[in-house]
């Protein structure tokens, strides 16, 4: 069961990684006082280098949520159903035996 839980946690993390990438891009842009939108690349100088294009790429990762979020909801639902079934079986085994 530990392996199943670890695999489900990794799957959920992978499905939510576009959201994490978007949040990281926004945090970096706000931290350094840069403008970030999905219309155009804006210059953002950090450590002497322009990372505006990288921030825009990270922000665009959010569009992958349209594909991965439904998968995450399904995986979370499956995980909850299996956890309830395992709990129910253990409870039944304790009361009967």
PDB file of N, CA and C in Angstrom:
ATOM      1  N   UNK A   1       0.820  -1.190   0.000  1.00  0.00           N
ATOM      2  CA  UNK A   1       0.000   0.000   0.000  1.00  0.00           C
ATOM      3  C   UNK A   1       0.869   1.262   0.000  1.00  0.00           C
ATOM      4  N   UNK A   2       2.049   1.162   0.612  1.00  0.00           N
ATOM      5  CA  UNK A   2       2.947   2.318   0.621  1.00  0.00           C
ATOM      6  C   UNK A   2       3.393   2.698  -0.780  1.00  0.00           C
ATOM      7  N   UNK A   3       3.639   1.703  -1.611  1.00  0.00           N
ATOM      8  CA  UNK A   3       4.067   1.967  -2.987  1.00  0.00           C
ATOM      9  C   UNK A   3       2.930   2.641  -3.759  1.00  0.00           C
ATOM     10  N   UNK A   4       1.711   2.159  -3.562  1.00  0.00           N
ATOM     11  CA  UNK A   4       0.556   2.776  -4.228  1.00  0.00           C
ATOM     12  C   UNK A   4       0.404   4.237  -3.815  1.00  0.00           C
ATOM     13  N   UNK A   5       0.525   4.505  -2.520  1.00  0.00           N
ATOM     14  CA  UNK A   5       0.408   5.891  -2.041  1.00  0.00           C
ATOM     15  C   UNK A   5       1.507   6.769  -2.622  1.00  0.00           C
ATOM     16  N   UNK A   6       2.715   6.244  -2.687  1.00  0.00           N
ATOM     17  CA  UNK A   6       3.819   7.024  -3.256  1.00  0.00           C
ATOM     18  C   UNK A   6       3.581   7.298  -4.739  1.00  0.00           C
ATOM     19  N   UNK A   7       3.120   6.292  -5.474  1.00  0.00           N
ATOM     20  CA  UNK A   7       2.841   6.482  -6.896  1.00  0.00           C
ATOM     21  C   UNK A   7       1.715   7.491  -7.121  1.00  0.00           C
ATOM     22  N   UNK A   8       0.689   7.443  -6.304  1.00  0.00           N
ATOM     23  CA  UNK A   8      -0.411   8.386  -6.449  1.00  0.00           C
ATOM     24  C   UNK A   8       0.044   9.805  -6.103  1.00  0.00           C
ATOM     25  N   UNK A   9       0.885   9.940  -5.090  1.00  0.00           N
ATOM     26  CA  UNK A   9       1.400  11.264  -4.737  1.00  0.00           C
ATOM     27  C   UNK A   9       2.249  11.833  -5.873  1.00  0.00           C
ATOM     28  N   UNK A  10       3.080  10.999  -6.473  1.00  0.00           N
ATOM     29  CA  UNK A  10       3.909  11.450  -7.597  1.00  0.00           C
ATOM     30  C   UNK A  10       3.031  11.808  -8.796  1.00  0.00           C
ATOM     31  N   UNK A  11       1.999  11.026  -9.050  1.00  0.00           N
ATOM     32  CA  UNK A  11       1.096  11.311 -10.165  1.00  0.00           C
ATOM     33  C   UNK A  11       0.367  12.641  -9.947  1.00  0.00           C
ATOM     34  N   UNK A  12      -0.099  12.889  -8.733  1.00  0.00           N
ATOM     35  CA  UNK A  12      -0.767  14.161  -8.451  1.00  0.00           C
ATOM     36  C   UNK A  12       0.199  15.329  -8.567  1.00  0.00           C
ATOM     37  N   UNK A  13       1.422  15.139  -8.101  1.00  0.00           N
ATOM     38  CA  UNK A  13       2.422  16.199  -8.222  1.00  0.00           C
ATOM     39  C   UNK A  13       2.718  16.491  -9.696  1.00  0.00           C
ATOM     40  N   UNK A  14       2.818  15.446 -10.502  1.00  0.00           N
ATOM     41  CA  UNK A  14       3.067  15.638 -11.934  1.00  0.00           C
ATOM     42  C   UNK A  14       1.889  16.354 -12.603  1.00  0.00           C
ATOM     43  N   UNK A  15       0.680  16.001 -12.208  1.00  0.00           N
ATOM     44  CA  UNK A  15      -0.495  16.647 -12.803  1.00  0.00           C
ATOM     45  C   UNK A  15      -0.623  18.107 -12.385  1.00  0.00           C
ATOM     46  N   UNK A  16      -0.153  18.440 -11.207  1.00  0.00           N
ATOM     47  CA  UNK A  16      -0.264  19.811 -10.725  1.00  0.00           C
ATOM     48  C   UNK A  16       1.001  20.632 -10.980  1.00  0.00           C
ATOM     49  N   UNK A  17       1.997  20.043 -11.619  1.00  0.00           N
ATOM     50  CA  UNK A  17       3.244  20.767 -11.885  1.00  0.00           C
ATOM     51  C   UNK A  17       3.059  22.006 -12.777  1.00  0.00           C
ATOM     52  N   UNK A  18       2.124  22.033 -13.735  1.00  0.00           N
ATOM     53  CA  UNK A  18       1.927  23.286 -14.476  1.00  0.00           C
ATOM     54  C   UNK A  18       1.474  24.437 -13.576  1.00  0.00           C
ATOM     55  N   UNK A  19       0.640  24.135 -12.608  1.00  0.00           N
ATOM     56  CA  UNK A  19       0.202  25.161 -11.662  1.00  0.00           C
ATOM     57  C   UNK A  19       1.377  25.648 -10.821  1.00  0.00           C
ATOM     58  N   UNK A  20       2.226  24.739 -10.413  1.00  0.00           N
ATOM     59  CA  UNK A  20       3.406  25.097  -9.631  1.00  0.00           C
ATOM     60  C   UNK A  20       4.351  25.960 -10.461  1.00  0.00           C
ATOM     61  N   UNK A  21       4.553  25.613 -11.735  1.00  0.00           N
ATOM     62  CA  UNK A  21       5.429  26.394 -12.611  1.00  0.00           C
ATOM     63  C   UNK A  21       4.878  27.806 -12.801  1.00  0.00           C
ATOM     64  N   UNK A  22       3.568  27.920 -12.965  1.00  0.00           N
ATOM     65  CA  UNK A  22       2.947  29.223 -13.113  1.00  0.00           C
ATOM     66  C   UNK A  22       3.120  30.064 -11.848  1.00  0.00           C
ATOM     67  N   UNK A  23       2.959  29.441 -10.706  1.00  0.00           N
ATOM     68  CA  UNK A  23       3.114  30.155  -9.436  1.00  0.00           C
ATOM     69  C   UNK A  23       4.560  30.601  -9.227  1.00  0.00           C
ATOM     70  N   UNK A  24       5.507  29.767  -9.621  1.00  0.00           N
ATOM     71  CA  UNK A  24       6.922  30.128  -9.499  1.00  0.00           C
ATOM     72  C   UNK A  24       7.247  31.315 -10.398  1.00  0.00           C
ATOM     73  N   UNK A  25       6.754  31.299 -11.633  1.00  0.00           N
ATOM     74  CA  UNK A  25       6.998  32.414 -12.561  1.00  0.00           C
ATOM     75  C   UNK A  25       6.424  33.710 -12.001  1.00  0.00           C
ATOM     76  N   UNK A  26       5.227  33.642 -11.463  1.00  0.00           N
ATOM     77  CA  UNK A  26       4.602  34.831 -10.900  1.00  0.00           C
ATOM     78  C   UNK A  26       5.369  35.328  -9.684  1.00  0.00           C
ATOM     79  N   UNK A  27       5.806  34.413  -8.835  1.00  0.00           N
ATOM     80  CA  UNK A  27       6.555  34.808  -7.638  1.00  0.00           C
ATOM     81  C   UNK A  27       7.883  35.466  -8.004  1.00  0.00           C
ATOM     82  N   UNK A  28       8.584  34.902  -8.976  1.00  0.00           N
ATOM     83  CA  UNK A  28       9.868  35.489  -9.399  1.00  0.00           C
ATOM     84  C   UNK A  28       9.647  36.873  -9.994  1.00  0.00           C
ATOM     85  N   UNK A  29       8.619  37.002 -10.819  1.00  0.00           N
ATOM     86  CA  UNK A  29       8.337  38.302 -11.435  1.00  0.00           C
ATOM     87  C   UNK A  29       7.975  39.345 -10.384  1.00  0.00           C
ATOM     88  N   UNK A  30       7.155  38.979  -9.424  1.00  0.00           N
ATOM     89  CA  UNK A  30       6.786  39.934  -8.380  1.00  0.00           C
ATOM     90  C   UNK A  30       7.968  40.275  -7.489  1.00  0.00           C
ATOM     91  N   UNK A  31       8.773  39.278  -7.185  1.00  0.00           N
ATOM     92  CA  UNK A  31       9.916  39.480  -6.309  1.00  0.00           C
ATOM     93  C   UNK A  31      10.911  40.484  -6.912  1.00  0.00           C
ATOM     94  N   UNK A  32      11.082  40.411  -8.213  1.00  0.00           N
ATOM     95  CA  UNK A  32      12.049  41.279  -8.888  1.00  0.00           C
ATOM     96  C   UNK A  32      11.405  42.505  -9.537  1.00  0.00           C
ATOM     97  N   UNK A  33      10.112  42.700  -9.307  1.00  0.00           N
ATOM     98  CA  UNK A  33       9.432  43.880  -9.825  1.00  0.00           C
ATOM     99  C   UNK A  33       9.256  43.894 -11.329  1.00  0.00           C
ATOM    100  N   UNK A  34       9.085  42.730 -11.915  1.00  0.00           N
ATOM    101  CA  UNK A  34       8.940  42.620 -13.370  1.00  0.00           C
ATOM    102  C   UNK A  34       7.468  42.465 -13.737  1.00  0.00           C
ATOM    103  N   UNK A  35       7.142  42.860 -14.956  1.00  0.00           N
ATOM    104  CA  UNK A  35       5.792  42.673 -15.470  1.00  0.00           C
ATOM    105  C   UNK A  35       5.712  41.307 -16.139  1.00  0.00           C
ATOM    106  N   UNK A  36       4.653  40.583 -15.827  1.00  0.00           N
ATOM    107  CA  UNK A  36       4.467  39.253 -16.414  1.00  0.00           C
ATOM    108  C   UNK A  36       3.028  39.134 -16.879  1.00  0.00           C
ATOM    109  N   UNK A  37       2.847  38.956 -18.169  1.00  0.00           N
ATOM    110  CA  UNK A  37       1.542  38.636 -18.721  1.00  0.00           C
ATOM    111  C   UNK A  37       1.754  37.688 -19.898  1.00  0.00           C
ATOM    112  N   UNK A  38       0.667  37.138 -20.397  1.00  0.00           N
ATOM    113  CA  UNK A  38       0.763  36.142 -21.463  1.00  0.00           C
ATOM    114  C   UNK A  38       0.651  36.752 -22.847  1.00  0.00           C
ATOM    115  N   UNK A  39       0.801  38.069 -22.959  1.00  0.00           N
ATOM    116  CA  UNK A  39       0.680  38.749 -24.242  1.00  0.00           C
ATOM    117  C   UNK A  39       2.026  38.869 -24.933  1.00  0.00           C
ATOM    118  N   UNK A  40       3.044  39.277 -24.175  1.00  0.00           N
ATOM    119  CA  UNK A  40       4.354  39.514 -24.781  1.00  0.00           C
ATOM    120  C   UNK A  40       5.450  39.309 -23.746  1.00  0.00           C
ATOM    121  N   UNK A  41       6.663  39.198 -24.248  1.00  0.00           N
ATOM    122  CA  UNK A  41       7.825  39.069 -23.375  1.00  0.00           C
ATOM    123  C   UNK A  41       8.209  40.470 -22.895  1.00  0.00           C
ATOM    124  N   UNK A  42       8.324  40.617 -21.596  1.00  0.00           N
ATOM    125  CA  UNK A  42       8.770  41.869 -21.007  1.00  0.00           C
ATOM    126  C   UNK A  42      10.138  41.637 -20.381  1.00  0.00           C
ATOM    127  N   UNK A  43      11.036  42.597 -20.502  1.00  0.00           N
ATOM    128  CA  UNK A  43      12.374  42.398 -19.934  1.00  0.00           C
ATOM    129  C   UNK A  43      12.312  42.284 -18.411  1.00  0.00           C
ATOM    130  N   UNK A  44      13.097  41.359 -17.903  1.00  0.00           N
ATOM    131  CA  UNK A  44      13.197  41.155 -16.461  1.00  0.00           C
ATOM    132  C   UNK A  44      14.658  40.799 -16.173  1.00  0.00           C
ATOM    133  N   UNK A  45      15.374  41.747 -15.648  1.00  0.00           N
ATOM    134  CA  UNK A  45      16.800  41.560 -15.409  1.00  0.00           C
ATOM    135  C   UNK A  45      17.004  41.012 -13.998  1.00  0.00           C
ATOM    136  N   UNK A  46      17.575  39.830 -13.929  1.00  0.00           N
ATOM    137  CA  UNK A  46      17.897  39.192 -12.658  1.00  0.00           C
ATOM    138  C   UNK A  46      19.333  38.709 -12.741  1.00  0.00           C
ATOM    139  N   UNK A  47      20.168  39.201 -11.867  1.00  0.00           N
ATOM    140  CA  UNK A  47      21.575  38.785 -11.864  1.00  0.00           C
ATOM    141  C   UNK A  47      22.300  39.180 -13.136  1.00  0.00           C
ATOM    142  N   UNK A  48      21.888  40.253 -13.754  1.00  0.00           N
ATOM    143  CA  UNK A  48      22.541  40.718 -14.968  1.00  0.00           C
ATOM    144  C   UNK A  48      22.069  40.054 -16.248  1.00  0.00           C
ATOM    145  N   UNK A  49      21.092  39.169 -16.148  1.00  0.00           N
ATOM    146  CA  UNK A  49      20.566  38.478 -17.334  1.00  0.00           C
ATOM    147  C   UNK A  49      19.067  38.718 -17.460  1.00  0.00           C
ATOM    148  N   UNK A  50      18.607  38.770 -18.688  1.00  0.00           N
ATOM    149  CA  UNK A  50      17.181  38.941 -18.953  1.00  0.00           C
ATOM    150  C   UNK A  50      16.510  37.571 -18.931  1.00  0.00           C
ATOM    151  N   UNK A  51      15.603  37.375 -17.972  1.00  0.00           N
ATOM    152  CA  UNK A  51      14.898  36.091 -17.871  1.00  0.00           C
ATOM    153  C   UNK A  51      13.428  36.233 -18.263  1.00  0.00           C
ATOM    154  N   UNK A  52      13.097  37.291 -18.975  1.00  0.00           N
ATOM    155  CA  UNK A  52      11.712  37.533 -19.374  1.00  0.00           C
ATOM    156  C   UNK A  52      11.116  36.409 -20.196  1.00  0.00           C
ATOM    157  N   UNK A  53      11.896  35.882 -21.143  1.00  0.00           N
ATOM    158  CA  UNK A  53      11.397  34.790 -21.985  1.00  0.00           C
ATOM    159  C   UNK A  53      11.172  33.520 -21.153  1.00  0.00           C
ATOM    160  N   UNK A  54      12.071  33.252 -20.229  1.00  0.00           N
ATOM    161  CA  UNK A  54      11.927  32.077 -19.360  1.00  0.00           C
ATOM    162  C   UNK A  54      10.683  32.206 -18.485  1.00  0.00           C
ATOM    163  N   UNK A  55      10.442  33.396 -17.949  1.00  0.00           N
ATOM    164  CA  UNK A  55       9.252  33.606 -17.134  1.00  0.00           C
ATOM    165  C   UNK A  55       7.973  33.420 -17.958  1.00  0.00           C
ATOM    166  N   UNK A  56       7.990  33.905 -19.196  1.00  0.00           N
ATOM    167  CA  UNK A  56       6.822  33.734 -20.058  1.00  0.00           C
ATOM    168  C   UNK A  56       6.590  32.252 -20.369  1.00  0.00           C
ATOM    169  N   UNK A  57       7.665  31.521 -20.602  1.00  0.00           N
ATOM    170  CA  UNK A  57       7.545  30.084 -20.855  1.00  0.00           C
ATOM    171  C   UNK A  57       6.956  29.367 -19.647  1.00  0.00           C
ATOM    172  N   UNK A  58       7.427  29.710 -18.454  1.00  0.00           N
ATOM    173  CA  UNK A  58       6.880  29.107 -17.235  1.00  0.00           C
ATOM    174  C   UNK A  58       5.410  29.466 -17.056  1.00  0.00           C
ATOM    175  N   UNK A  59       5.061  30.712 -17.356  1.00  0.00           N
ATOM    176  CA  UNK A  59       3.673  31.129 -17.213  1.00  0.00           C
ATOM    177  C   UNK A  59       2.765  30.398 -18.200  1.00  0.00           C
ATOM    178  N   UNK A  60       3.255  30.147 -19.409  1.00  0.00           N
ATOM    179  CA  UNK A  60       2.469  29.420 -20.410  1.00  0.00           C
ATOM    180  C   UNK A  60       2.238  27.959 -20.023  1.00  0.00           C
ATOM    181  N   UNK A  61       3.038  27.435 -19.119  1.00  0.00           N
ATOM    182  CA  UNK A  61       2.839  26.054 -18.668  1.00  0.00           C
ATOM    183  C   UNK A  61       1.457  25.873 -18.045  1.00  0.00           C
ATOM    184  N   UNK A  62       0.862  26.963 -17.578  1.00  0.00           N
ATOM    185  CA  UNK A  62      -0.461  26.892 -16.984  1.00  0.00           C
ATOM    186  C   UNK A  62      -1.518  26.358 -17.930  1.00  0.00           C
ATOM    187  N   UNK A  63      -1.321  26.530 -19.225  1.00  0.00           N
ATOM    188  CA  UNK A  63      -2.289  26.004 -20.190  1.00  0.00           C
ATOM    189  C   UNK A  63      -2.332  24.480 -20.194  1.00  0.00           C
ATOM    190  N   UNK A  64      -1.277  23.830 -19.735  1.00  0.00           N
ATOM    191  CA  UNK A  64      -1.295  22.373 -19.643  1.00  0.00           C
ATOM    192  C   UNK A  64      -2.262  21.889 -18.560  1.00  0.00           C
ATOM    193  N   UNK A  65      -2.668  22.800 -17.667  1.00  0.00           N
ATOM    194  CA  UNK A  65      -3.639  22.420 -16.638  1.00  0.00           C
ATOM    195  C   UNK A  65      -4.952  21.948 -17.233  1.00  0.00           C
ATOM    196  N   UNK A  66      -5.287  22.455 -18.420  1.00  0.00           N
ATOM    197  CA  UNK A  66      -6.538  22.019 -19.056  1.00  0.00           C
ATOM    198  C   UNK A  66      -6.514  20.517 -19.337  1.00  0.00           C
ATOM    199  N   UNK A  67      -5.342  19.957 -19.528  1.00  0.00           N
ATOM    200  CA  UNK A  67      -5.227  18.523 -19.762  1.00  0.00           C
ATOM    201  C   UNK A  67      -4.947  17.752 -18.475  1.00  0.00           C
ATOM    202  N   UNK A  68      -4.122  18.315 -17.604  1.00  0.00           N
ATOM    203  CA  UNK A  68      -3.688  17.548 -16.438  1.00  0.00           C
ATOM    204  C   UNK A  68      -4.628  17.657 -15.250  1.00  0.00           C
ATOM    205  N   UNK A  69      -5.397  18.740 -15.132  1.00  0.00           N
ATOM    206  CA  UNK A  69      -6.272  18.883 -13.969  1.00  0.00           C
ATOM    207  C   UNK A  69      -7.374  17.822 -13.939  1.00  0.00           C
ATOM    208  N   UNK A  70      -8.043  17.520 -15.053  1.00  0.00           N
ATOM    209  CA  UNK A  70      -9.029  16.432 -15.004  1.00  0.00           C
ATOM    210  C   UNK A  70      -8.399  15.076 -14.642  1.00  0.00           C
ATOM    211  N   UNK A  71      -7.179  14.852 -15.098  1.00  0.00           N
ATOM    212  CA  UNK A  71      -6.480  13.621 -14.736  1.00  0.00           C
ATOM    213  C   UNK A  71      -6.209  13.599 -13.236  1.00  0.00           C
ATOM    214  N   UNK A  72      -5.820  14.752 -12.690  1.00  0.00           N
ATOM    215  CA  UNK A  72      -5.558  14.849 -11.253  1.00  0.00           C
ATOM    216  C   UNK A  72      -6.828  14.588 -10.440  1.00  0.00           C
ATOM    217  N   UNK A  73      -7.952  15.126 -10.903  1.00  0.00           N
ATOM    218  CA  UNK A  73      -9.229  14.897 -10.209  1.00  0.00           C
ATOM    219  C   UNK A  73      -9.581  13.410 -10.239  1.00  0.00           C
ATOM    220  N   UNK A  74      -9.400  12.778 -11.394  1.00  0.00           N
ATOM    221  CA  UNK A  74      -9.674  11.344 -11.495  1.00  0.00           C
ATOM    222  C   UNK A  74      -8.751  10.514 -10.621  1.00  0.00           C
ATOM    223  N   UNK A  75      -7.468  10.850 -10.607  1.00  0.00           N
ATOM    224  CA  UNK A  75      -6.510  10.107  -9.785  1.00  0.00           C
ATOM    225  C   UNK A  75      -6.817  10.290  -8.300  1.00  0.00           C
ATOM    226  N   UNK A  76      -7.168  11.507  -7.907  1.00  0.00           N
ATOM    227  CA  UNK A  76      -7.506  11.760  -6.504  1.00  0.00           C
ATOM    228  C   UNK A  76      -8.776  11.005  -6.109  1.00  0.00           C
ATOM    229  N   UNK A  77      -9.758  10.960  -6.997  1.00  0.00           N
ATOM    230  CA  UNK A  77     -10.985  10.213  -6.727  1.00  0.00           C
ATOM    231  C   UNK A  77     -10.694   8.723  -6.564  1.00  0.00           C
ATOM    232  N   UNK A  78      -9.886   8.186  -7.460  1.00  0.00           N
ATOM    233  CA  UNK A  78      -9.510   6.778  -7.372  1.00  0.00           C
ATOM    234  C   UNK A  78      -8.767   6.500  -6.074  1.00  0.00           C
ATOM    235  N   UNK A  79      -7.850   7.382  -5.705  1.00  0.00           N
ATOM    236  CA  UNK A  79      -7.085   7.218  -4.476  1.00  0.00           C
ATOM    237  C   UNK A  79      -8.014   7.202  -3.262  1.00  0.00           C
ATOM    238  N   UNK A  80      -8.962   8.126  -3.222  1.00  0.00           N
ATOM    239  CA  UNK A  80      -9.886   8.182  -2.095  1.00  0.00           C
ATOM    240  C   UNK A  80     -10.740   6.927  -2.021  1.00  0.00           C
ATOM    241  N   UNK A  81     -11.230   6.437  -3.161  1.00  0.00           N
ATOM    242  CA  UNK A  81     -12.048   5.220  -3.181  1.00  0.00           C
ATOM    243  C   UNK A  81     -11.251   4.026  -2.679  1.00  0.00           C
ATOM    244  N   UNK A  82     -10.008   3.897  -3.123  1.00  0.00           N
ATOM    245  CA  UNK A  82      -9.185   2.767  -2.700  1.00  0.00           C
ATOM    246  C   UNK A  82      -8.846   2.869  -1.212  1.00  0.00           C
ATOM    247  N   UNK A  83      -8.552   4.077  -0.726  1.00  0.00           N
ATOM    248  CA  UNK A  83      -8.265   4.246   0.703  1.00  0.00           C
ATOM    249  C   UNK A  83      -9.485   3.890   1.553  1.00  0.00           C
ATOM    250  N   UNK A  84     -10.675   4.270   1.111  1.00  0.00           N
ATOM    251  CA  UNK A  84     -11.892   3.925   1.850  1.00  0.00           C
ATOM    252  C   UNK A  84     -12.110   2.412   1.837  1.00  0.00           C
ATOM    253  N   UNK A  85     -11.880   1.772   0.682  1.00  0.00           N
ATOM    254  CA  UNK A  85     -12.050   0.314   0.586  1.00  0.00           C
ATOM    255  C   UNK A  85     -11.061  -0.408   1.505  1.00  0.00           C
ATOM    256  N   UNK A  86      -9.818   0.044   1.539  1.00  0.00           N
ATOM    257  CA  UNK A  86      -8.823  -0.585   2.417  1.00  0.00           C
ATOM    258  C   UNK A  86      -9.205  -0.379   3.878  1.00  0.00           C
ATOM    259  N   UNK A  87      -9.636   0.816   4.233  1.00  0.00           N
ATOM    260  CA  UNK A  87     -10.052   1.097   5.606  1.00  0.00           C
ATOM    261  C   UNK A  87     -11.238   0.210   5.994  1.00  0.00           C
ATOM    262  N   UNK A  88     -12.193   0.072   5.075  1.00  0.00           N
ATOM    263  CA  UNK A  88     -13.390  -0.734   5.333  1.00  0.00           C
ATOM    264  C   UNK A  88     -13.021  -2.206   5.558  1.00  0.00           C
ATOM    265  N   UNK A  89     -12.115  -2.721   4.732  1.00  0.00           N
ATOM    266  CA  UNK A  89     -11.704  -4.128   4.874  1.00  0.00           C
ATOM    267  C   UNK A  89     -10.975  -4.357   6.197  1.00  0.00           C
ATOM    268  N   UNK A  90     -10.099  -3.429   6.573  1.00  0.00           N
ATOM    269  CA  UNK A  90      -9.371  -3.570   7.854  1.00  0.00           C
ATOM    270  C   UNK A  90     -10.332  -3.495   9.030  1.00  0.00           C
ATOM    271  N   UNK A  91     -11.305  -2.613   8.946  1.00  0.00           N
ATOM    272  CA  UNK A  91     -12.291  -2.472  10.011  1.00  0.00           C
ATOM    273  C   UNK A  91     -13.130  -3.737  10.130  1.00  0.00           C
ATOM    274  N   UNK A  92     -13.534  -4.287   8.972  1.00  0.00           N
ATOM    275  CA  UNK A  92     -14.322  -5.517   8.981  1.00  0.00           C
ATOM    276  C   UNK A  92     -13.509  -6.685   9.516  1.00  0.00           C
ATOM    277  N   UNK A  93     -12.224  -6.733   9.201  1.00  0.00           N
ATOM    278  CA  UNK A  93     -11.379  -7.826   9.689  1.00  0.00           C
ATOM    279  C   UNK A  93     -11.188  -7.730  11.201  1.00  0.00           C
ATOM    280  N   UNK A  94     -11.095  -6.541  11.754  1.00  0.00           N
ATOM    281  CA  UNK A  94     -10.929  -6.372  13.187  1.00  0.00           C
ATOM    282  C   UNK A  94     -12.193  -6.731  13.952  1.00  0.00           C
ATOM    283  N   UNK A  95     -13.342  -6.373  13.418  1.00  0.00           N
ATOM    284  CA  UNK A  95     -14.593  -6.641  14.139  1.00  0.00           C
ATOM    285  C   UNK A  95     -15.006  -8.099  14.050  1.00  0.00           C
ATOM    286  N   UNK A  96     -14.628  -8.790  12.986  1.00  0.00           N
ATOM    287  CA  UNK A  96     -15.053 -10.183  12.827  1.00  0.00           C
ATOM    288  C   UNK A  96     -14.102 -11.172  13.493  1.00  0.00           C
ATOM    289  N   UNK A  97     -12.907 -10.741  13.711  1.00  0.00           N
ATOM    290  CA  UNK A  97     -11.981 -11.747  14.126  1.00  0.00           C
ATOM    291  C   UNK A  97     -11.290 -11.602  15.384  1.00  0.00           C
TER     292      UNK A  97
END
